[in-house]
Amino acid sequence: MSSFPFLSMFAGSEIVSNADYLDVNFSAANFNMLPIVNFSIEQNIETYVSDLTLTTARLNFSSKYSGRITYLIRPASE
């Protein structure tokens, strides 16, 4: 039997302007293990996740970014 939390994923999108990063708070998901973070942006710049916790993640951009960020956060498989 799986021990996944009540929510199986957390999804959203945000628009930023001239940003170096975006902090995402997914505490409502109540994950009990570090999740997997997938995201996409509208431009071709380097992006990466840092400061990952059970409730937040920081999505970093290699240069100032303006546009939409779409993200999907889900539990890692056991």
C-alpha atoms as a PDB file:
ATOM      1  CA  MET A   1       0.000   0.000   0.000  1.00  0.00           C
ATOM      2  CA  SER A   2       1.258   3.428  -0.891  1.00  0.00           C
ATOM      3  CA  SER A   3       1.936   6.065   1.751  1.00  0.00           C
ATOM      4  CA  PHE A   4       1.386   9.069  -0.536  1.00  0.00           C
ATOM      5  CA  PRO A   5      -0.159  12.129   1.105  1.00  0.00           C
ATOM      6  CA  PHE A   6      -3.730  13.239   0.479  1.00  0.00           C
ATOM      7  CA  LEU A   7      -2.775  15.417  -2.508  1.00  0.00           C
ATOM      8  CA  SER A   8      -0.896  13.500  -5.156  1.00  0.00           C
ATOM      9  CA  MET A   9       0.390  16.607  -6.929  1.00  0.00           C
ATOM     10  CA  PHE A  10       0.504  20.392  -6.744  1.00  0.00           C
ATOM     11  CA  ALA A  11       0.321  22.401  -9.964  1.00  0.00           C
ATOM     12  CA  GLY A  12       0.266  26.067 -10.822  1.00  0.00           C
ATOM     13  CA  SER A  13       1.594  28.847 -12.988  1.00  0.00           C
ATOM     14  CA  GLU A  14       2.754  32.373 -12.324  1.00  0.00           C
ATOM     15  CA  ILE A  15       3.884  35.338 -14.357  1.00  0.00           C
ATOM     16  CA  VAL A  16       7.057  37.114 -13.263  1.00  0.00           C
ATOM     17  CA  SER A  17       8.769  40.243 -14.495  1.00  0.00           C
ATOM     18  CA  ASN A  18      12.551  40.695 -14.573  1.00  0.00           C
ATOM     19  CA  ALA A  19      13.073  37.973 -11.957  1.00  0.00           C
ATOM     20  CA  ASP A  20      16.167  36.011 -10.939  1.00  0.00           C
ATOM     21  CA  TYR A  21      14.066  33.310  -9.254  1.00  0.00           C
ATOM     22  CA  LEU A  22      10.578  32.316  -8.145  1.00  0.00           C
ATOM     23  CA  ASP A  23       9.787  30.859  -4.727  1.00  0.00           C
ATOM     24  CA  VAL A  24       6.949  28.330  -4.798  1.00  0.00           C
ATOM     25  CA  ASN A  25       5.079  27.447  -1.604  1.00  0.00           C
ATOM     26  CA  PHE A  26       3.265  24.112  -1.787  1.00  0.00           C
ATOM     27  CA  SER A  27       2.711  23.600   1.960  1.00  0.00           C
ATOM     28  CA  ALA A  28      -0.990  22.906   1.288  1.00  0.00           C
ATOM     29  CA  ALA A  29       0.051  19.635  -0.354  1.00  0.00           C
ATOM     30  CA  ASN A  30       1.383  18.302   2.974  1.00  0.00           C
ATOM     31  CA  PHE A  31       4.051  16.107   1.362  1.00  0.00           C
ATOM     32  CA  ASN A  32       5.834  13.709   3.712  1.00  0.00           C
ATOM     33  CA  MET A  33       8.940  13.262   1.522  1.00  0.00           C
ATOM     34  CA  LEU A  34      10.904  15.607  -0.727  1.00  0.00           C
ATOM     35  CA  PRO A  35       8.910  16.033  -3.930  1.00  0.00           C
ATOM     36  CA  ILE A  36       9.915  16.047  -7.566  1.00  0.00           C
ATOM     37  CA  VAL A  37       9.638  19.504  -9.139  1.00  0.00           C
ATOM     38  CA  ASN A  38       9.003  19.876 -12.869  1.00  0.00           C
ATOM     39  CA  PHE A  39       8.557  23.246 -14.511  1.00  0.00           C
ATOM     40  CA  SER A  40       8.633  24.961 -17.866  1.00  0.00           C
ATOM     41  CA  ILE A  41       9.194  28.519 -19.009  1.00  0.00           C
ATOM     42  CA  GLU A  42       8.544  30.390 -22.262  1.00  0.00           C
ATOM     43  CA  GLN A  43      12.181  31.244 -23.064  1.00  0.00           C
ATOM     44  CA  ASN A  44      15.259  29.146 -23.669  1.00  0.00           C
ATOM     45  CA  ILE A  45      17.365  30.009 -20.593  1.00  0.00           C
ATOM     46  CA  GLU A  46      19.002  27.746 -18.052  1.00  0.00           C
ATOM     47  CA  THR A  47      16.778  26.973 -15.065  1.00  0.00           C
ATOM     48  CA  TYR A  48      17.240  24.870 -11.948  1.00  0.00           C
ATOM     49  CA  VAL A  49      15.658  24.077  -8.577  1.00  0.00           C
ATOM     50  CA  SER A  50      17.340  24.961  -5.279  1.00  0.00           C
ATOM     51  CA  ASP A  51      16.385  25.191  -1.602  1.00  0.00           C
ATOM     52  CA  LEU A  52      13.950  22.274  -1.912  1.00  0.00           C
ATOM     53  CA  THR A  53      12.064  21.406   1.294  1.00  0.00           C
ATOM     54  CA  LEU A  54       8.831  19.568   2.117  1.00  0.00           C
ATOM     55  CA  THR A  55       6.907  22.835   1.635  1.00  0.00           C
ATOM     56  CA  THR A  56       8.873  25.161  -0.686  1.00  0.00           C
ATOM     57  CA  ALA A  57      11.231  25.284  -3.665  1.00  0.00           C
ATOM     58  CA  ARG A  58      13.125  28.025  -5.434  1.00  0.00           C
ATOM     59  CA  LEU A  59      13.104  28.035  -9.247  1.00  0.00           C
ATOM     60  CA  ASN A  60      16.226  29.876 -10.463  1.00  0.00           C
ATOM     61  CA  PHE A  61      16.862  31.493 -13.852  1.00  0.00           C
ATOM     62  CA  SER A  62      20.335  31.981 -15.355  1.00  0.00           C
ATOM     63  CA  SER A  63      19.408  35.518 -16.394  1.00  0.00           C
ATOM     64  CA  LYS A  64      16.593  37.967 -15.668  1.00  0.00           C
ATOM     65  CA  TYR A  65      13.351  36.348 -16.805  1.00  0.00           C
ATOM     66  CA  SER A  66       9.974  37.838 -17.669  1.00  0.00           C
ATOM     67  CA  GLY A  67       7.144  35.505 -18.567  1.00  0.00           C
ATOM     68  CA  ARG A  68       5.060  32.565 -17.387  1.00  0.00           C
ATOM     69  CA  ILE A  69       6.390  29.693 -15.265  1.00  0.00           C
ATOM     70  CA  THR A  70       4.268  26.542 -15.125  1.00  0.00           C
ATOM     71  CA  TYR A  71       5.103  23.970 -12.464  1.00  0.00           C
ATOM     72  CA  LEU A  72       4.040  20.518 -11.326  1.00  0.00           C
ATOM     73  CA  ILE A  73       5.205  19.224  -7.952  1.00  0.00           C
ATOM     74  CA  ARG A  74       4.594  15.602  -6.987  1.00  0.00           C
ATOM     75  CA  PRO A  75       5.836  13.108  -4.429  1.00  0.00           C
ATOM     76  CA  ALA A  76       8.894  11.061  -5.273  1.00  0.00           C
ATOM     77  CA  SER A  77       8.158   7.364  -5.645  1.00  0.00           C
ATOM     78  CA  GLU A  78       9.193   5.181  -2.765  1.00  0.00           C
END
